[in-house]
Every structure is written in C-alpha cells, then in structure tokens.
Amino acid sequence: MEQVSLELTVGPVAHGGWCVARHEGRVVFVRHALPGERVIADVTEETTRFLRADAVEILEPSPDRVVPPCPYAGPGRCGGCDWQHATLEAQRRLKAQVVAEQLHRLAGIEREVVVEEVPGAKDGLGWRTRVQFAALPTGELGFRRHRSHDIEVVDACLIAHPEVEAVGAEAHEWPGAAGVEVIASSGGDRAVVVSPRPRRSVTVPELEAPASILLDQGKGRTVPRRGSGVLHEQAGDREFRVAGSGFWQVHPGAAETLLDAVLAYAAPEPGEWALDLYCGVGLFAAGLAEAVGPEGAVFGLESEASAVRDARSNLRDLPQAQVERGRVEEALDRFQIERADLVVVDPPRSGLGREVVERIAGLDASRIVYVSCDPATFARDLKWLAERGYALADLRAFDAFPMTHHVECVGLLVRK
C-alpha cells in the first residue's frame, strides 16, 4: 500500500489503545495520539469502513503528553505498550472513559468510572513479573510490533520487573527458540520457559541470575530441564504454588488487590455455598473457603489440568473447598450444580458468553462477582445478565497494566 499521510484532529479514546479521528467522513483509529491533539498520521491499514493510522508528528500536543520513557515505544516499534506518551494520571482517565463508554454502548449502563492505582509499580514501570519474548531465527529476543509478526529486538524492557530483568534474557541469543518467557514470582523464584521452533532443539545460554529452565511442549504443558519449575506466589497471608507458566496476575500488587475487592463484594458468610468459576490456581477459592468456614462449601471449576493440580495443592488445608477440571459450559451440568448462594467468575478475555450467562443466572445466587480483563466482553455479558434479572450494583476498576490499554474490572451484580 502506498504510504498515505493525513493531518487529523484527534477525538475521544477508543477501546484497544486507539483514539478516534475522522477524515472525509471516515473513521480513523489513531495510535500514539491523545484526545484533542492535532497530528500528522501515516495510514497503516484501510478497510471499507475505517482506517488505522500511527501519529508520526504532533502538531498540537495535549497537556497530558510526555516523552515515552522507553526508546522502543513509538510508531512502528514495540507493540507492547499503548500509552507511554501519556502521564499515568491521563492513562487512568483514558481507561476509565473506555470502561464507561463500553458500559453505555453495550449494556445501556450509565456509570462514572475511576481507575485505581495498584500498589507496586512506581512510575508505571518495573511491574511485569511475567514477560514473553519472541525470538528471531538468529536467536535474538524482542517483542512483536503492533498488529504484526515482525519483531522489535530489545536489550531491556522498562515495564519488566527488576527480578525479570536480572535474568538478562535479552542480552543473549537463544538458537532454536521461537519464544522465551521469563517469570519472577513474589516468593523469590525465577523460571524461564522456552518454546522451541518446530523440529529444533534450543541452546540455553548462561544466564545472569539463577532460574529454573522449562521446555514448553504446547497446550500449557511444560517439562523442567533444570530446577523444579514450581513458582511460589504470595497473596495476603497465603502462599500459592503455580507450576511452570501457569496463570497468575502479572502485576505484583494485583492478586491481593483483586482478592480484597472480590471478597468485599462477595461478602461470603459462614455456611454459604459458593462457586468459583475459571478458578485458576485457587486465589479466590481460598479466600471464599476461609470465609464460609467448615460448615460452608466452595466449588471451583478450571479447564487447565496443571492449574487444577495447583489449586488442589493450594487448598489442601481447606476441606470445604473442592476443585474440578472442566469447561464451565458443560461441567456445571456434569457435576449437577443447580444452585449457589454466590458466584465468582474470572473468565478469559473472551468473557462468559451467552451460554454461560444463562447457566449462571439459573443458579439463583443472590450475588455474582465478575472479574474482567476486557471491558467490551464485560459490558456485553452485563447486558445479558440484566436480561436475566441481575443488575450491576457496584464497580471498581484497577490499573493492573500501566502503560498499556488493559484494565481490570470487578463488578458486583445482584438480583433485581
């Protein structure tokens, strides 16, 4: 496509790290811009309905604009961060506007939203405890450019946690690797998960700090090549085991922050029957089980086999908690779950979907706590839950991913 440059006046923020502008009546989604700015933007993609573009020159900057702290941030560079060119306060306002707009547009809900800071990310940097690098055929590491398979080679990542950077993965070549994930747990463990290229073996370099080395076998399975590969994470006064590259919140303060928010909304009482769907390694199930006590019960569902094993280990001192493997769409029926006093859901970015919403609404729970990492699918599911008699009673939003467009929401739904 021949390079086309446009002079644009940038409008409001849109979901996904874009701002919206218009050119000759067509919508233009612009990256690296801020609302109110006048920019020169290079068109990067054209469809019949809209254009995508990168702001390459700022003619009239927003007062919220700053120089990106990372040298790899900017048009055509690393695609990992969306808002390095905005102050942290502005980033949170933009995220709040996106959540509010999605609630209004998709769910018909009018609500003022505030995005709260999560402790543990000074200046919005040094927070990411799990970093996935892509590898060039030469073995150099970097990150994919935005909407591209091209890799931006880096020698450091400013949003990576210092304990991740201590491994020094970017300083070495990884022959035979397609990707390398570096993990630093709150319990002091480090692990490196290596994904080999097809029919290739990986040469692991000498690293700058001790770490377990695991080989990714696909579909969530890893095998240790050095060390146990078991990580220990802390949330509140409990320790959680997470095997390999299993799921755990990447922001060091996010797990405890979200746990506190979920328990405050769920308000579990002794003797109650609670469900924890998409329960992972048991973070919320543990808090619920402690609250409902021996006379209550918690039933967790998780589709990932290694997470189920970890959850059972993490909850072994709480006999009132049971975790089973299965997809929510079928497992509630398989285990004959017909009712619950309260339900906690923490689905993937794709959300619950209509089928799961219908099934959950039929459990007759007095409250549902919904943890979401995507405001669009969150709002869509809230609309469907409203059709089944559940109203959004309260909402909190957290900046668990500074410098990116991602935001974590926790909503309380109660029966109308």
Protein backbone atom coordinates (compact mmCIF):
# COMPACT_ATOMS: atom_id res chain seq x y z
CA MET A 1 0.00 0.00 0.00
CA GLU A 2 1.36 3.40 -0.98
CA GLN A 3 2.10 5.46 2.13
CA VAL A 4 -0.68 7.98 2.83
CA SER A 5 -0.31 10.70 5.47
CA LEU A 6 -3.24 12.64 6.92
CA GLU A 7 -3.50 15.74 9.05
CA LEU A 8 -6.05 14.95 11.75
CA THR A 9 -7.70 16.44 14.79
CA VAL A 10 -7.85 13.61 17.32
CA GLY A 11 -11.10 12.90 19.13
CA PRO A 12 -12.02 10.61 22.04
CA VAL A 13 -10.26 7.48 23.17
CA ALA A 14 -11.43 4.09 21.86
CA HIS A 15 -11.07 0.58 23.27
CA GLY A 16 -7.74 -1.02 22.35
CA GLY A 17 -5.22 1.82 22.71
CA TRP A 18 -6.60 3.96 19.90
CA CYS A 19 -8.09 7.42 19.63
CA VAL A 20 -10.79 8.26 17.09
CA ALA A 21 -10.44 10.86 14.36
CA ARG A 22 -12.33 11.46 11.11
CA HIS A 23 -11.15 12.12 7.59
CA GLU A 24 -13.60 12.92 4.82
CA GLY A 25 -16.36 11.27 6.83
CA ARG A 26 -14.46 8.05 7.53
CA VAL A 27 -13.40 6.94 10.97
CA VAL A 28 -9.65 6.80 11.58
CA PHE A 29 -8.32 4.85 14.57
CA VAL A 30 -5.06 6.54 15.57
CA ARG A 31 -2.30 5.15 17.79
CA HIS A 32 0.37 7.21 19.58
CA ALA A 33 -2.02 10.17 19.84
CA LEU A 34 -4.10 11.72 22.63
CA PRO A 35 -7.56 13.32 22.57
CA GLY A 36 -7.52 16.93 21.39
CA GLU A 37 -4.21 16.73 19.56
CA ARG A 38 -3.54 17.84 16.00
CA VAL A 39 -1.27 15.28 14.31
CA ILE A 40 0.19 14.02 11.09
CA ALA A 41 -0.69 10.32 10.88
CA ASP A 42 0.53 7.63 8.48
CA VAL A 43 -2.20 5.23 7.39
CA THR A 44 -1.23 1.66 8.27
CA GLU A 45 -4.41 -0.20 7.28
CA GLU A 46 -7.52 0.53 5.22
CA THR A 47 -10.87 -1.24 5.23
CA THR A 48 -14.17 -0.34 3.62
CA ARG A 49 -15.40 1.09 6.93
CA PHE A 50 -12.38 2.69 8.60
CA LEU A 51 -8.67 3.44 8.56
CA ARG A 52 -5.93 2.70 11.06
CA ALA A 53 -3.04 5.10 11.43
CA ASP A 54 0.02 5.98 13.53
CA ALA A 55 0.59 9.56 14.67
CA VAL A 56 4.12 10.29 13.45
CA GLU A 57 4.23 14.05 14.06
CA ILE A 58 2.47 16.01 16.81
CA LEU A 59 1.46 19.47 15.59
CA GLU A 60 -0.52 20.50 18.67
CA PRO A 61 0.29 18.31 21.72
CA SER A 62 -2.05 17.53 24.60
CA PRO A 63 -1.01 18.82 28.04
CA ASP A 64 -1.10 15.14 29.07
CA ARG A 65 1.67 14.20 26.60
CA VAL A 66 5.11 13.16 27.89
CA VAL A 67 8.21 11.75 26.24
CA PRO A 68 7.90 7.92 26.32
CA PRO A 69 10.42 6.56 28.85
CA CYS A 70 11.19 3.54 26.64
CA PRO A 71 13.29 4.02 23.49
CA TYR A 72 11.39 1.18 21.79
CA ALA A 73 7.96 2.81 22.19
CA GLY A 74 6.52 4.67 19.20
CA PRO A 75 5.14 4.26 15.68
CA GLY A 76 6.34 1.06 14.04
CA ARG A 77 8.25 -0.06 17.13
CA CYS A 78 7.39 -2.44 20.02
CA GLY A 79 3.66 -3.15 20.26
CA GLY A 80 3.62 -4.00 23.97
CA CYS A 81 2.75 -0.57 25.39
CA ASP A 82 -0.03 1.74 24.19
CA TRP A 83 0.15 4.83 26.41
CA GLN A 84 3.80 5.55 27.23
CA HIS A 85 3.29 9.00 25.68
CA ALA A 86 0.72 9.95 28.37
CA THR A 87 1.06 10.73 32.08
CA LEU A 88 -0.08 7.96 34.42
CA GLU A 89 -3.00 10.12 35.57
CA ALA A 90 -4.06 10.61 31.95
CA GLN A 91 -3.71 6.89 31.22
CA ARG A 92 -6.11 6.08 34.05
CA ARG A 93 -8.59 8.72 32.90
CA LEU A 94 -8.48 7.27 29.38
CA LYS A 95 -9.06 3.75 30.67
CA ALA A 96 -11.95 4.98 32.83
CA GLN A 97 -13.51 6.65 29.77
CA VAL A 98 -13.20 3.40 27.80
CA VAL A 99 -14.90 1.35 30.54
CA ALA A 100 -17.69 3.93 30.90
CA GLU A 101 -18.19 4.09 27.12
CA GLN A 102 -18.36 0.29 26.76
CA LEU A 103 -20.88 0.06 29.62
CA HIS A 104 -23.01 2.76 28.00
CA ARG A 105 -22.81 1.50 24.43
CA LEU A 106 -23.05 -2.27 25.00
CA ALA A 107 -25.03 -2.55 28.24
CA GLY A 108 -27.01 0.70 28.45
CA ILE A 109 -25.41 1.40 31.85
CA GLU A 110 -24.56 4.98 32.81
CA ARG A 111 -21.80 4.99 35.42
CA GLU A 112 -18.90 7.20 36.34
CA VAL A 113 -15.73 5.09 36.45
CA VAL A 114 -12.49 5.69 38.34
CA VAL A 115 -9.44 3.55 37.57
CA GLU A 116 -7.47 2.95 40.77
CA GLU A 117 -3.72 2.60 41.09
CA VAL A 118 -2.43 -0.83 42.08
CA PRO A 119 0.50 -0.71 44.56
CA GLY A 120 3.86 -1.94 43.31
CA ALA A 121 4.50 -0.09 40.05
CA LYS A 122 6.37 3.13 40.76
CA ASP A 123 6.06 5.48 37.78
CA GLY A 124 4.15 2.71 35.97
CA LEU A 125 7.40 0.84 35.30
CA GLY A 126 9.08 -2.33 36.59
CA TRP A 127 5.84 -4.20 37.31
CA ARG A 128 5.52 -7.04 34.82
CA THR A 129 6.58 -10.26 36.56
CA ARG A 130 5.90 -12.48 33.52
CA VAL A 131 7.38 -11.37 30.21
CA GLN A 132 7.05 -13.25 26.93
CA PHE A 133 9.75 -12.54 24.37
CA ALA A 134 9.59 -13.56 20.73
CA ALA A 135 12.77 -14.84 19.10
CA LEU A 136 14.21 -14.15 15.67
CA PRO A 137 15.64 -17.11 13.70
CA THR A 138 19.06 -15.82 14.78
CA GLY A 139 18.03 -16.26 18.44
CA GLU A 140 17.78 -12.57 19.35
CA LEU A 141 14.84 -11.66 21.62
CA GLY A 142 12.31 -8.89 21.30
CA PHE A 143 8.59 -8.08 21.10
CA ARG A 144 6.16 -8.13 18.23
CA ARG A 145 5.28 -4.84 16.62
CA HIS A 146 1.67 -3.74 16.75
CA ARG A 147 -0.61 -5.90 14.54
CA SER A 148 2.48 -7.51 13.02
CA HIS A 149 4.60 -10.65 13.16
CA ASP A 150 7.74 -8.53 12.86
CA ILE A 151 9.92 -8.50 15.98
CA GLU A 152 11.47 -5.41 17.56
CA VAL A 153 14.73 -6.58 19.13
CA VAL A 154 15.26 -5.04 22.59
CA ASP A 155 18.07 -5.02 25.12
CA ALA A 156 15.76 -4.25 28.08
CA CYS A 157 12.07 -3.82 28.89
CA LEU A 158 11.17 -0.94 31.19
CA ILE A 159 7.86 -2.41 32.34
CA ALA A 160 9.51 -5.74 33.23
CA HIS A 161 10.03 -6.37 36.94
CA PRO A 162 13.65 -5.92 38.09
CA GLU A 163 13.82 -9.62 39.00
CA VAL A 164 12.82 -10.50 35.42
CA GLU A 165 15.49 -8.19 34.03
CA ALA A 166 18.05 -9.69 36.44
CA VAL A 167 17.93 -12.90 34.37
CA GLY A 168 19.36 -10.98 31.41
CA ALA A 169 17.48 -12.95 28.76
CA GLU A 170 17.68 -10.13 26.18
CA ALA A 171 21.48 -9.99 26.44
CA HIS A 172 21.85 -13.46 24.91
CA GLU A 173 20.93 -15.33 21.77
CA TRP A 174 18.61 -18.35 22.00
CA PRO A 175 19.28 -20.53 18.93
CA GLY A 176 16.33 -22.77 18.11
CA ALA A 177 13.82 -20.84 20.22
CA ALA A 178 10.53 -19.41 18.94
CA GLY A 179 9.83 -17.68 22.24
CA VAL A 180 11.17 -17.26 25.76
CA GLU A 181 9.07 -16.40 28.82
CA VAL A 182 10.82 -15.12 31.94
CA ILE A 183 8.94 -15.29 35.26
CA ALA A 184 9.81 -13.84 38.66
CA SER A 185 7.46 -14.84 41.48
CA SER A 186 6.66 -12.90 44.62
CA GLY A 187 8.04 -15.87 46.56
CA GLY A 188 11.52 -15.29 45.14
CA ASP A 189 11.53 -17.98 42.42
CA ARG A 190 12.58 -17.42 38.83
CA ALA A 191 11.77 -19.54 35.80
CA VAL A 192 12.48 -19.37 32.08
CA VAL A 193 10.04 -21.19 29.78
CA VAL A 194 11.49 -21.89 26.33
CA SER A 195 9.30 -22.59 23.30
CA PRO A 196 11.33 -24.37 20.58
CA ARG A 197 10.87 -23.91 16.88
CA PRO A 198 9.40 -26.96 15.09
CA ARG A 199 11.88 -29.82 14.95
CA ARG A 200 14.57 -27.73 16.62
CA SER A 201 16.40 -28.05 19.92
CA VAL A 202 17.17 -24.91 21.92
CA THR A 203 20.57 -23.85 23.15
CA VAL A 204 20.03 -22.20 26.54
CA PRO A 205 22.67 -19.54 27.28
CA GLU A 206 24.33 -18.96 30.64
CA LEU A 207 22.02 -16.57 32.46
CA GLU A 208 22.84 -13.67 34.77
CA ALA A 209 20.73 -14.98 37.68
CA PRO A 210 19.61 -18.45 38.83
CA ALA A 211 16.38 -19.69 37.25
CA SER A 212 14.59 -22.94 36.55
CA ILE A 213 14.55 -23.82 32.85
CA LEU A 214 11.39 -25.37 31.42
CA LEU A 215 10.60 -26.63 27.93
CA ASP A 216 7.18 -25.67 26.55
CA GLN A 217 5.52 -28.71 24.98
CA GLY A 218 2.40 -26.84 23.88
CA LYS A 219 -1.17 -26.73 25.23
CA GLY A 220 0.05 -25.47 28.58
CA ARG A 221 2.38 -28.41 29.23
CA THR A 222 5.94 -27.76 30.35
CA VAL A 223 8.74 -30.10 31.42
CA PRO A 224 11.66 -29.00 33.63
CA ARG A 225 15.13 -29.13 32.13
CA ARG A 226 16.76 -27.52 35.14
CA GLY A 227 15.18 -26.93 38.54
CA SER A 228 11.63 -27.79 39.58
CA GLY A 229 9.81 -25.09 37.64
CA VAL A 230 7.41 -24.62 40.55
CA LEU A 231 6.85 -20.98 41.49
CA HIS A 232 5.52 -19.68 44.79
CA GLU A 233 3.30 -16.60 44.90
CA GLN A 234 2.05 -14.67 47.91
CA ALA A 235 -1.37 -13.05 48.34
CA GLY A 236 -2.45 -11.92 51.78
CA ASP A 237 -1.16 -14.41 54.32
CA ARG A 238 -1.33 -17.39 51.96
CA GLU A 239 1.25 -18.87 49.62
CA PHE A 240 0.19 -20.29 46.27
CA ARG A 241 2.01 -22.81 44.12
CA VAL A 242 1.97 -22.09 40.37
CA ALA A 243 3.60 -24.66 38.09
CA GLY A 244 5.55 -23.54 35.04
CA SER A 245 3.91 -20.77 33.05
CA GLY A 246 0.53 -21.25 34.72
CA PHE A 247 -1.71 -18.21 35.16
CA TRP A 248 -1.02 -15.65 37.88
CA GLN A 249 -1.56 -11.91 37.83
CA VAL A 250 1.48 -10.25 36.24
CA HIS A 251 1.37 -7.06 38.36
CA PRO A 252 2.96 -7.74 41.77
CA GLY A 253 0.13 -6.00 43.63
CA ALA A 254 -2.77 -7.24 41.51
CA ALA A 255 -3.53 -10.63 43.09
CA GLU A 256 -4.00 -9.26 46.59
CA THR A 257 -5.82 -6.15 45.35
CA LEU A 258 -8.29 -8.20 43.33
CA LEU A 259 -8.74 -10.74 46.13
CA ASP A 260 -9.65 -7.97 48.57
CA ALA A 261 -12.08 -6.43 46.08
CA VAL A 262 -13.74 -9.77 45.29
CA LEU A 263 -14.20 -10.72 48.94
CA ALA A 264 -15.57 -7.27 49.80
CA TYR A 265 -18.21 -7.58 47.07
CA ALA A 266 -18.95 -11.28 47.62
CA ALA A 267 -19.35 -10.79 51.39
CA PRO A 268 -19.27 -14.57 52.00
CA GLU A 269 -20.92 -15.71 55.23
CA PRO A 270 -20.21 -18.84 57.29
CA GLY A 271 -22.19 -21.77 55.96
CA GLU A 272 -22.73 -20.39 52.45
CA TRP A 273 -22.32 -22.35 49.20
CA ALA A 274 -20.05 -20.50 46.76
CA LEU A 275 -18.89 -21.18 43.21
CA ASP A 276 -15.55 -20.00 41.81
CA LEU A 277 -15.65 -20.40 38.04
CA TYR A 278 -12.46 -20.17 35.96
CA CYS A 279 -10.74 -20.53 39.33
CA GLY A 280 -7.12 -20.89 38.16
CA VAL A 281 -4.83 -21.97 40.98
CA GLY A 282 -7.41 -21.12 43.65
CA LEU A 283 -6.75 -17.48 44.61
CA PHE A 284 -10.40 -16.51 45.10
CA ALA A 285 -11.49 -20.02 46.18
CA ALA A 286 -9.06 -19.85 49.12
CA GLY A 287 -10.48 -16.55 50.35
CA LEU A 288 -14.05 -17.76 49.90
CA ALA A 289 -13.34 -21.05 51.68
CA GLU A 290 -11.80 -19.30 54.67
CA ALA A 291 -14.88 -17.08 54.94
CA VAL A 292 -17.61 -19.74 54.55
CA GLY A 293 -15.83 -21.98 57.04
CA PRO A 294 -16.12 -25.73 57.61
CA GLU A 295 -19.93 -25.54 57.60
CA GLY A 296 -19.92 -23.94 54.12
CA ALA A 297 -18.56 -25.14 50.77
CA VAL A 298 -16.72 -23.77 47.76
CA PHE A 299 -16.76 -25.49 44.37
CA GLY A 300 -14.15 -24.37 41.83
CA LEU A 301 -14.05 -25.11 38.11
CA GLU A 302 -10.97 -24.77 35.92
CA SER A 303 -10.24 -26.17 32.44
CA GLU A 304 -6.42 -26.23 32.65
CA ALA A 305 -5.14 -29.52 34.12
CA SER A 306 -1.96 -28.09 35.68
CA ALA A 307 -3.94 -25.26 37.32
CA VAL A 308 -6.36 -27.81 38.81
CA ARG A 309 -3.43 -29.73 40.32
CA ASP A 310 -2.01 -26.49 41.73
CA ALA A 311 -5.38 -25.41 43.10
CA ARG A 312 -5.91 -28.72 44.89
CA SER A 313 -2.45 -28.37 46.44
CA ASN A 314 -3.08 -24.76 47.42
CA LEU A 315 -6.43 -25.60 49.04
CA ARG A 316 -5.43 -28.83 50.76
CA ASP A 317 -5.83 -27.25 54.22
CA LEU A 318 -9.41 -26.21 53.36
CA PRO A 319 -11.50 -29.40 53.07
CA GLN A 320 -14.62 -27.31 52.40
CA ALA A 321 -13.08 -26.34 49.02
CA GLN A 322 -13.31 -28.68 46.02
CA VAL A 323 -11.79 -28.02 42.60
CA GLU A 324 -12.67 -29.99 39.48
CA ARG A 325 -11.49 -29.82 35.89
CA GLY A 326 -13.90 -28.85 33.16
CA ARG A 327 -15.24 -26.14 30.92
CA VAL A 328 -17.96 -24.16 32.61
CA GLU A 329 -20.25 -24.69 29.60
CA GLU A 330 -20.55 -28.40 30.35
CA ALA A 331 -19.12 -29.02 33.81
CA LEU A 332 -21.88 -27.35 35.84
CA ASP A 333 -24.30 -29.88 34.37
CA ARG A 334 -21.84 -32.77 34.69
CA PHE A 335 -21.39 -32.06 38.41
CA GLN A 336 -25.12 -31.35 38.84
CA ILE A 337 -24.65 -27.83 40.18
CA GLU A 338 -28.16 -26.39 40.40
CA ARG A 339 -27.85 -23.55 42.92
CA ALA A 340 -25.40 -21.35 44.78
CA ASP A 341 -25.52 -18.57 47.35
CA LEU A 342 -22.86 -16.60 45.49
CA VAL A 343 -20.83 -16.96 42.30
CA VAL A 344 -17.41 -15.55 41.42
CA VAL A 345 -16.37 -15.58 37.75
CA ASP A 346 -12.98 -14.64 36.30
CA PRO A 347 -13.23 -15.63 32.62
CA PRO A 348 -10.61 -15.14 29.90
CA ARG A 349 -10.66 -12.05 27.67
CA SER A 350 -13.48 -13.55 25.59
CA GLY A 351 -15.82 -13.24 28.58
CA LEU A 352 -18.59 -15.59 29.67
CA GLY A 353 -20.69 -15.76 26.52
CA ARG A 354 -24.43 -16.25 26.26
CA GLU A 355 -24.48 -19.96 27.19
CA VAL A 356 -22.56 -19.50 30.45
CA VAL A 357 -24.55 -16.37 31.35
CA GLU A 358 -27.79 -18.33 31.01
CA ARG A 359 -26.43 -21.18 33.13
CA ILE A 360 -25.09 -18.90 35.88
CA ALA A 361 -28.27 -16.85 36.02
CA GLY A 362 -30.21 -20.07 36.59
CA LEU A 363 -28.28 -20.82 39.80
CA ASP A 364 -30.41 -18.29 41.70
CA ALA A 365 -27.39 -16.79 43.51
CA SER A 366 -28.08 -13.62 45.47
CA ARG A 367 -24.88 -12.04 44.11
CA ILE A 368 -22.41 -12.55 41.30
CA VAL A 369 -18.91 -11.06 41.38
CA TYR A 370 -17.47 -10.67 37.89
CA VAL A 371 -13.71 -10.12 37.40
CA SER A 372 -12.93 -8.96 33.87
CA CYS A 373 -9.83 -8.03 31.88
CA ASP A 374 -11.82 -6.79 28.87
CA PRO A 375 -14.43 -4.02 29.23
CA ALA A 376 -16.14 -4.89 25.94
CA THR A 377 -16.97 -8.52 26.75
CA PHE A 378 -17.68 -7.48 30.35
CA ALA A 379 -20.29 -4.96 29.20
CA ARG A 380 -21.81 -7.44 26.74
CA ASP A 381 -22.20 -10.06 29.48
CA LEU A 382 -23.67 -7.47 31.89
CA LYS A 383 -26.38 -6.76 29.32
CA TRP A 384 -27.25 -10.45 29.08
CA LEU A 385 -27.19 -10.84 32.88
CA ALA A 386 -29.53 -7.84 33.17
CA GLU A 387 -31.96 -9.62 30.85
CA ARG A 388 -31.91 -12.49 33.35
CA GLY A 389 -32.58 -10.28 36.36
CA TYR A 390 -29.11 -9.25 37.60
CA ALA A 391 -28.21 -5.57 37.90
CA LEU A 392 -24.76 -4.01 38.29
CA ALA A 393 -24.76 -2.76 41.89
CA ASP A 394 -21.15 -1.62 42.16
CA LEU A 395 -17.96 -1.49 40.13
CA ARG A 396 -14.24 -0.96 40.71
CA ALA A 397 -11.55 -0.69 38.04
CA PHE A 398 -7.82 -1.17 38.57
CA ASP A 399 -4.72 -0.12 36.62
CA ALA A 400 -3.12 -3.55 36.76
CA PHE A 401 -1.32 -2.98 33.42
CA PRO A 402 0.27 0.51 33.41
CA MET A 403 1.46 1.88 30.06
CA THR A 404 -0.93 -0.45 28.20
CA HIS A 405 -4.62 -0.07 27.34
CA HIS A 406 -5.60 -3.03 29.52
CA VAL A 407 -7.67 -2.53 32.66
CA GLU A 408 -9.07 -4.93 35.25
CA CYS A 409 -12.69 -4.53 36.42
CA VAL A 410 -14.54 -6.10 39.33
CA GLY A 411 -18.32 -5.82 39.26
CA LEU A 412 -20.97 -6.78 41.82
CA LEU A 413 -24.27 -7.96 40.38
CA VAL A 414 -27.35 -8.54 42.50
CA ARG A 415 -30.81 -9.82 41.69
CA LYS A 416 -33.21 -7.06 40.81
